[in-house]
Amino acid sequence: MKLSRGILSITAAAVVSGSALGSALAFGHWLQEAAARSSHQRPTVDYWLEPVTPTSPGLIAQGRRLFLDSCAHCHGADASGDEGPDLHDLRVSDRYIAHMIVFGEPHQMPSFAKKYGAADITALTSYLRSLESS
Protein backbone atom coordinates (compact mmCIF):
# COMPACT_ATOMS: atom_id res chain seq x y z
CA MET A 1 0.00 0.00 0.00
CA LYS A 2 2.80 2.42 0.94
CA LEU A 3 4.74 1.52 -2.19
CA SER A 4 1.80 2.24 -4.49
CA ARG A 5 1.26 5.67 -2.86
CA GLY A 6 4.95 6.47 -3.47
CA ILE A 7 4.68 5.46 -7.12
CA LEU A 8 1.48 7.46 -7.46
CA SER A 9 3.20 10.54 -5.96
CA ILE A 10 6.20 10.21 -8.27
CA THR A 11 3.93 9.78 -11.29
CA ALA A 12 1.87 12.84 -10.35
CA ALA A 13 5.04 14.93 -9.84
CA ALA A 14 6.37 13.81 -13.24
CA VAL A 15 3.10 14.72 -14.97
CA VAL A 16 2.94 18.16 -13.32
CA SER A 17 6.58 19.00 -14.04
CA GLY A 18 6.23 17.74 -17.63
CA SER A 19 3.17 19.92 -18.12
CA ALA A 20 4.96 22.96 -16.70
CA LEU A 21 7.99 22.39 -18.94
CA GLY A 22 5.80 21.87 -22.00
CA SER A 23 3.86 25.05 -21.27
CA ALA A 24 7.06 27.05 -20.83
CA LEU A 25 8.50 25.76 -24.11
CA ALA A 26 5.27 26.42 -26.00
CA PHE A 27 5.06 29.95 -24.61
CA GLY A 28 8.70 30.61 -25.56
CA HIS A 29 8.04 29.38 -29.10
CA TRP A 30 4.97 31.59 -29.34
CA LEU A 31 6.97 34.64 -28.15
CA GLN A 32 9.70 33.93 -30.71
CA GLU A 33 7.17 33.73 -33.55
CA ALA A 34 5.39 36.89 -32.38
CA ALA A 35 8.70 38.78 -32.31
CA ALA A 36 9.57 37.55 -35.81
CA ARG A 37 6.15 38.62 -37.15
CA SER A 38 6.47 42.08 -35.68
CA SER A 39 9.93 42.48 -37.20
CA HIS A 40 8.76 41.37 -40.68
CA GLN A 41 10.92 38.24 -40.50
CA ARG A 42 9.64 34.80 -41.24
CA PRO A 43 11.64 32.15 -39.43
CA THR A 44 12.22 29.04 -41.48
CA VAL A 45 13.33 25.57 -40.48
CA ASP A 46 16.08 25.55 -43.10
CA TYR A 47 17.81 28.44 -41.28
CA TRP A 48 19.41 25.84 -38.99
CA LEU A 49 20.28 23.44 -41.81
CA GLU A 50 22.01 25.76 -44.28
CA PRO A 51 25.76 25.96 -44.74
CA VAL A 52 27.48 29.09 -43.53
CA THR A 53 27.40 32.01 -45.98
CA PRO A 54 30.82 32.54 -47.57
CA THR A 55 32.32 35.73 -46.23
CA SER A 56 35.46 37.70 -46.81
CA PRO A 57 36.23 41.38 -46.40
CA GLY A 58 36.09 41.80 -50.19
CA LEU A 59 32.74 40.02 -50.53
CA ILE A 60 31.25 42.02 -47.66
CA ALA A 61 32.54 45.28 -49.21
CA GLN A 62 31.02 44.33 -52.57
CA GLY A 63 27.73 43.51 -50.85
CA ARG A 64 27.77 46.87 -49.08
CA ARG A 65 28.27 48.69 -52.39
CA LEU A 66 25.34 46.80 -53.91
CA PHE A 67 23.26 47.49 -50.81
CA LEU A 68 23.98 51.22 -50.94
CA ASP A 69 23.16 51.24 -54.65
CA SER A 70 19.81 49.41 -54.48
CA CYS A 71 18.60 48.92 -50.92
CA ALA A 72 19.68 51.86 -48.77
CA HIS A 73 16.93 54.20 -49.98
CA CYS A 74 14.34 51.95 -48.23
CA HIS A 75 16.35 50.17 -45.52
CA GLY A 76 18.59 53.11 -44.59
CA ALA A 77 22.32 53.52 -45.30
CA ASP A 78 23.14 51.59 -42.13
CA ALA A 79 20.37 48.99 -42.77
CA SER A 80 18.57 50.00 -39.57
CA GLY A 81 15.31 50.51 -41.45
CA ASP A 82 13.38 53.41 -42.88
CA GLU A 83 10.54 52.51 -45.25
CA GLY A 84 11.79 48.90 -45.18
CA PRO A 85 12.52 46.86 -42.05
CA ASP A 86 15.73 46.80 -40.02
CA LEU A 87 18.07 44.18 -41.49
CA HIS A 88 20.36 43.73 -38.50
CA ASP A 89 20.46 40.35 -36.77
CA LEU A 90 18.25 38.55 -39.31
CA ARG A 91 16.82 35.21 -38.16
CA VAL A 92 15.94 33.84 -41.59
CA SER A 93 17.78 31.52 -43.94
CA ASP A 94 20.10 32.62 -46.70
CA ARG A 95 17.65 30.98 -49.09
CA TYR A 96 14.90 33.26 -47.79
CA ILE A 97 17.13 36.35 -48.20
CA ALA A 98 17.94 35.32 -51.79
CA HIS A 99 14.25 34.70 -52.46
CA MET A 100 13.35 38.18 -51.22
CA ILE A 101 16.07 39.78 -53.37
CA VAL A 102 15.05 37.86 -56.49
CA PHE A 103 11.25 37.97 -56.16
CA GLY A 104 10.64 40.89 -53.81
CA GLU A 105 7.42 41.28 -51.84
CA PRO A 106 4.24 42.47 -53.62
CA HIS A 107 3.46 46.11 -52.82
CA GLN A 108 6.46 46.31 -50.45
CA MET A 109 9.75 45.44 -52.16
CA PRO A 110 10.64 45.27 -55.86
CA SER A 111 12.23 42.26 -57.52
CA PHE A 112 15.95 42.51 -58.31
CA ALA A 113 16.04 39.36 -60.48
CA LYS A 114 17.01 41.27 -63.63
CA LYS A 115 19.60 43.39 -61.84
CA TYR A 116 21.52 40.86 -59.71
CA GLY A 117 22.93 37.44 -60.44
CA ALA A 118 23.94 34.67 -58.04
CA ALA A 119 27.33 36.22 -57.20
CA ASP A 120 25.73 39.57 -56.35
CA ILE A 121 23.09 37.89 -54.19
CA THR A 122 25.84 36.02 -52.32
CA ALA A 123 27.66 39.32 -51.76
CA LEU A 124 24.48 41.02 -50.51
CA THR A 125 23.77 38.08 -48.19
CA SER A 126 27.33 38.20 -46.86
CA TYR A 127 26.95 41.89 -46.14
CA LEU A 128 23.62 41.36 -44.36
CA ARG A 129 25.12 38.53 -42.29
CA SER A 130 28.00 40.81 -41.31
CA LEU A 131 25.44 43.15 -39.73
CA GLU A 132 24.61 40.52 -37.09
CA SER A 133 27.65 41.41 -35.05
CA SER A 134 27.10 45.17 -35.31
C-alpha atoms as a PDB file:
ATOM      1  CA  MET A   1       0.000   0.000   0.000  1.00  0.00           C
ATOM      2  CA  LYS A   2       2.799   2.424   0.940  1.00  0.00           C
ATOM      3  CA  LEU A   3       4.741   1.516  -2.195  1.00  0.00           C
ATOM      4  CA  SER A   4       1.803   2.236  -4.485  1.00  0.00           C
ATOM      5  CA  ARG A   5       1.263   5.665  -2.860  1.00  0.00           C
ATOM      6  CA  GLY A   6       4.946   6.473  -3.472  1.00  0.00           C
ATOM      7  CA  ILE A   7       4.682   5.458  -7.119  1.00  0.00           C
ATOM      8  CA  LEU A   8       1.485   7.465  -7.460  1.00  0.00           C
ATOM      9  CA  SER A   9       3.203  10.543  -5.957  1.00  0.00           C
ATOM     10  CA  ILE A  10       6.203  10.208  -8.270  1.00  0.00           C
ATOM     11  CA  THR A  11       3.933   9.777 -11.295  1.00  0.00           C
ATOM     12  CA  ALA A  12       1.872  12.837 -10.346  1.00  0.00           C
ATOM     13  CA  ALA A  13       5.036  14.925  -9.844  1.00  0.00           C
ATOM     14  CA  ALA A  14       6.373  13.812 -13.239  1.00  0.00           C
ATOM     15  CA  VAL A  15       3.102  14.724 -14.967  1.00  0.00           C
ATOM     16  CA  VAL A  16       2.944  18.156 -13.316  1.00  0.00           C
ATOM     17  CA  SER A  17       6.580  18.996 -14.042  1.00  0.00           C
ATOM     18  CA  GLY A  18       6.230  17.745 -17.626  1.00  0.00           C
ATOM     19  CA  SER A  19       3.172  19.919 -18.120  1.00  0.00           C
ATOM     20  CA  ALA A  20       4.963  22.956 -16.701  1.00  0.00           C
ATOM     21  CA  LEU A  21       7.989  22.389 -18.940  1.00  0.00           C
ATOM     22  CA  GLY A  22       5.800  21.872 -22.003  1.00  0.00           C
ATOM     23  CA  SER A  23       3.862  25.046 -21.275  1.00  0.00           C
ATOM     24  CA  ALA A  24       7.061  27.054 -20.827  1.00  0.00           C
ATOM     25  CA  LEU A  25       8.503  25.760 -24.112  1.00  0.00           C
ATOM     26  CA  ALA A  26       5.268  26.417 -26.002  1.00  0.00           C
ATOM     27  CA  PHE A  27       5.060  29.951 -24.605  1.00  0.00           C
ATOM     28  CA  GLY A  28       8.696  30.610 -25.556  1.00  0.00           C
ATOM     29  CA  HIS A  29       8.039  29.382 -29.099  1.00  0.00           C
ATOM     30  CA  TRP A  30       4.969  31.590 -29.344  1.00  0.00           C
ATOM     31  CA  LEU A  31       6.967  34.638 -28.149  1.00  0.00           C
ATOM     32  CA  GLN A  32       9.701  33.935 -30.707  1.00  0.00           C
ATOM     33  CA  GLU A  33       7.174  33.734 -33.551  1.00  0.00           C
ATOM     34  CA  ALA A  34       5.394  36.894 -32.382  1.00  0.00           C
ATOM     35  CA  ALA A  35       8.696  38.784 -32.307  1.00  0.00           C
ATOM     36  CA  ALA A  36       9.568  37.552 -35.812  1.00  0.00           C
ATOM     37  CA  ARG A  37       6.149  38.616 -37.146  1.00  0.00           C
ATOM     38  CA  SER A  38       6.466  42.075 -35.678  1.00  0.00           C
ATOM     39  CA  SER A  39       9.926  42.483 -37.200  1.00  0.00           C
ATOM     40  CA  HIS A  40       8.762  41.374 -40.685  1.00  0.00           C
ATOM     41  CA  GLN A  41      10.916  38.242 -40.500  1.00  0.00           C
ATOM     42  CA  ARG A  42       9.635  34.803 -41.244  1.00  0.00           C
ATOM     43  CA  PRO A  43      11.645  32.150 -39.431  1.00  0.00           C
ATOM     44  CA  THR A  44      12.222  29.042 -41.476  1.00  0.00           C
ATOM     45  CA  VAL A  45      13.329  25.573 -40.481  1.00  0.00           C
ATOM     46  CA  ASP A  46      16.079  25.548 -43.101  1.00  0.00           C
ATOM     47  CA  TYR A  47      17.809  28.437 -41.279  1.00  0.00           C
ATOM     48  CA  TRP A  48      19.411  25.839 -38.992  1.00  0.00           C
ATOM     49  CA  LEU A  49      20.281  23.438 -41.814  1.00  0.00           C
ATOM     50  CA  GLU A  50      22.011  25.761 -44.279  1.00  0.00           C
ATOM     51  CA  PRO A  51      25.761  25.963 -44.745  1.00  0.00           C
ATOM     52  CA  VAL A  52      27.484  29.090 -43.532  1.00  0.00           C
ATOM     53  CA  THR A  53      27.405  32.007 -45.980  1.00  0.00           C
ATOM     54  CA  PRO A  54      30.815  32.545 -47.571  1.00  0.00           C
ATOM     55  CA  THR A  55      32.323  35.729 -46.228  1.00  0.00           C
ATOM     56  CA  SER A  56      35.464  37.699 -46.814  1.00  0.00           C
ATOM     57  CA  PRO A  57      36.233  41.380 -46.403  1.00  0.00           C
ATOM     58  CA  GLY A  58      36.090  41.801 -50.194  1.00  0.00           C
ATOM     59  CA  LEU A  59      32.744  40.024 -50.533  1.00  0.00           C
ATOM     60  CA  ILE A  60      31.249  42.024 -47.663  1.00  0.00           C
ATOM     61  CA  ALA A  61      32.541  45.279 -49.212  1.00  0.00           C
ATOM     62  CA  GLN A  62      31.023  44.333 -52.574  1.00  0.00           C
ATOM     63  CA  GLY A  63      27.729  43.511 -50.850  1.00  0.00           C
ATOM     64  CA  ARG A  64      27.770  46.866 -49.075  1.00  0.00           C
ATOM     65  CA  ARG A  65      28.274  48.691 -52.394  1.00  0.00           C
ATOM     66  CA  LEU A  66      25.342  46.804 -53.911  1.00  0.00           C
ATOM     67  CA  PHE A  67      23.256  47.488 -50.809  1.00  0.00           C
ATOM     68  CA  LEU A  68      23.980  51.221 -50.938  1.00  0.00           C
ATOM     69  CA  ASP A  69      23.157  51.238 -54.648  1.00  0.00           C
ATOM     70  CA  SER A  70      19.814  49.415 -54.475  1.00  0.00           C
ATOM     71  CA  CYS A  71      18.603  48.919 -50.915  1.00  0.00           C
ATOM     72  CA  ALA A  72      19.676  51.864 -48.768  1.00  0.00           C
ATOM     73  CA  HIS A  73      16.926  54.200 -49.976  1.00  0.00           C
ATOM     74  CA  CYS A  74      14.341  51.952 -48.233  1.00  0.00           C
ATOM     75  CA  HIS A  75      16.348  50.172 -45.522  1.00  0.00           C
ATOM     76  CA  GLY A  76      18.593  53.107 -44.591  1.00  0.00           C
ATOM     77  CA  ALA A  77      22.317  53.521 -45.297  1.00  0.00           C
ATOM     78  CA  ASP A  78      23.143  51.589 -42.129  1.00  0.00           C
ATOM     79  CA  ALA A  79      20.370  48.992 -42.766  1.00  0.00           C
ATOM     80  CA  SER A  80      18.573  49.996 -39.570  1.00  0.00           C
ATOM     81  CA  GLY A  81      15.314  50.513 -41.449  1.00  0.00           C
ATOM     82  CA  ASP A  82      13.383  53.407 -42.879  1.00  0.00           C
ATOM     83  CA  GLU A  83      10.535  52.509 -45.245  1.00  0.00           C
ATOM     84  CA  GLY A  84      11.788  48.904 -45.184  1.00  0.00           C
ATOM     85  CA  PRO A  85      12.518  46.859 -42.054  1.00  0.00           C
ATOM     86  CA  ASP A  86      15.726  46.799 -40.018  1.00  0.00           C
ATOM     87  CA  LEU A  87      18.065  44.183 -41.491  1.00  0.00           C
ATOM     88  CA  HIS A  88      20.365  43.730 -38.496  1.00  0.00           C
ATOM     89  CA  ASP A  89      20.461  40.350 -36.772  1.00  0.00           C
ATOM     90  CA  LEU A  90      18.248  38.546 -39.311  1.00  0.00           C
ATOM     91  CA  ARG A  91      16.819  35.214 -38.160  1.00  0.00           C
ATOM     92  CA  VAL A  92      15.944  33.844 -41.586  1.00  0.00           C
ATOM     93  CA  SER A  93      17.779  31.524 -43.940  1.00  0.00           C
ATOM     94  CA  ASP A  94      20.105  32.623 -46.703  1.00  0.00           C
ATOM     95  CA  ARG A  95      17.655  30.978 -49.094  1.00  0.00           C
ATOM     96  CA  TYR A  96      14.903  33.263 -47.793  1.00  0.00           C
ATOM     97  CA  ILE A  97      17.126  36.348 -48.200  1.00  0.00           C
ATOM     98  CA  ALA A  98      17.935  35.323 -51.792  1.00  0.00           C
ATOM     99  CA  HIS A  99      14.249  34.697 -52.465  1.00  0.00           C
ATOM    100  CA  MET A 100      13.353  38.184 -51.222  1.00  0.00           C
ATOM    101  CA  ILE A 101      16.067  39.785 -53.373  1.00  0.00           C
ATOM    102  CA  VAL A 102      15.046  37.856 -56.492  1.00  0.00           C
ATOM    103  CA  PHE A 103      11.252  37.969 -56.164  1.00  0.00           C
ATOM    104  CA  GLY A 104      10.636  40.887 -53.811  1.00  0.00           C
ATOM    105  CA  GLU A 105       7.419  41.277 -51.840  1.00  0.00           C
ATOM    106  CA  PRO A 106       4.244  42.466 -53.618  1.00  0.00           C
ATOM    107  CA  HIS A 107       3.462  46.111 -52.816  1.00  0.00           C
ATOM    108  CA  GLN A 108       6.456  46.311 -50.450  1.00  0.00           C
ATOM    109  CA  MET A 109       9.752  45.441 -52.165  1.00  0.00           C
ATOM    110  CA  PRO A 110      10.639  45.273 -55.864  1.00  0.00           C
ATOM    111  CA  SER A 111      12.230  42.256 -57.524  1.00  0.00           C
ATOM    112  CA  PHE A 112      15.946  42.511 -58.312  1.00  0.00           C
ATOM    113  CA  ALA A 113      16.042  39.361 -60.483  1.00  0.00           C
ATOM    114  CA  LYS A 114      17.009  41.274 -63.627  1.00  0.00           C
ATOM    115  CA  LYS A 115      19.600  43.391 -61.842  1.00  0.00           C
ATOM    116  CA  TYR A 116      21.521  40.863 -59.715  1.00  0.00           C
ATOM    117  CA  GLY A 117      22.935  37.437 -60.439  1.00  0.00           C
ATOM    118  CA  ALA A 118      23.945  34.673 -58.038  1.00  0.00           C
ATOM    119  CA  ALA A 119      27.334  36.225 -57.198  1.00  0.00           C
ATOM    120  CA  ASP A 120      25.728  39.568 -56.349  1.00  0.00           C
ATOM    121  CA  ILE A 121      23.087  37.889 -54.194  1.00  0.00           C
ATOM    122  CA  THR A 122      25.836  36.018 -52.323  1.00  0.00           C
ATOM    123  CA  ALA A 123      27.660  39.324 -51.764  1.00  0.00           C
ATOM    124  CA  LEU A 124      24.477  41.017 -50.507  1.00  0.00           C
ATOM    125  CA  THR A 125      23.768  38.083 -48.191  1.00  0.00           C
ATOM    126  CA  SER A 126      27.335  38.204 -46.857  1.00  0.00           C
ATOM    127  CA  TYR A 127      26.947  41.892 -46.138  1.00  0.00           C
ATOM    128  CA  LEU A 128      23.619  41.358 -44.363  1.00  0.00           C
ATOM    129  CA  ARG A 129      25.120  38.527 -42.291  1.00  0.00           C
ATOM    130  CA  SER A 130      27.995  40.815 -41.310  1.00  0.00           C
ATOM    131  CA  LEU A 131      25.439  43.148 -39.728  1.00  0.00           C
ATOM    132  CA  GLU A 132      24.606  40.522 -37.085  1.00  0.00           C
ATOM    133  CA  SER A 133      27.651  41.407 -35.047  1.00  0.00           C
ATOM    134  CA  SER A 134      27.100  45.167 -35.310  1.00  0.00           C
END
